[in-house]
Amino acid sequence: QLQVVESGGGLVQPGGSLRLSCASHKGTLDFYAVAWFRQAPGKEREGVSCISSSPGTTNYADSVKGRFTITRDNAKNTVYLQMNSLKPEDTGVYYCAADVLNFECSIRTGDDYKFWGQGTQVTVSS
């Protein structure tokens, strides 16, 4: 069974950058769509971005378009989320999720994804 682990979170000032990683510690990510979701305190979980298995189609939430970039490195069994121009409203716990999908990846709901990591905290504050 696939196991994914997030890393790369931390405290950053507004305008700064972070790169999150989602690595598979058990099983290969090659055939999985991978998504990032986040949850801020007192708010519902929201989809941030996703990348399909092949050919690697990507989707982004409107709030992060132009600032975040999702990529995958199958050789390293890892998906990355490069986050630039961070804002305080980007603060939250970021979760990586994966599953084998027969359609283009979506971030409308987390119900499409069976395998979830434990999350990594991102705090954007001065």
Foldseek 3Di string as FASTA:
>chain_A
DWAWAKDWADEAAQQAKIKMKIATPDDACLQKKKWKWWDDPPDDIFTAKIFGNPPTDMDGDPVQPPFWDWDDDRVRSMIMIIGGRDDQVVWGWMKMFIDRDPDGDDGHDPPVGDYIYPTDTHGHHD
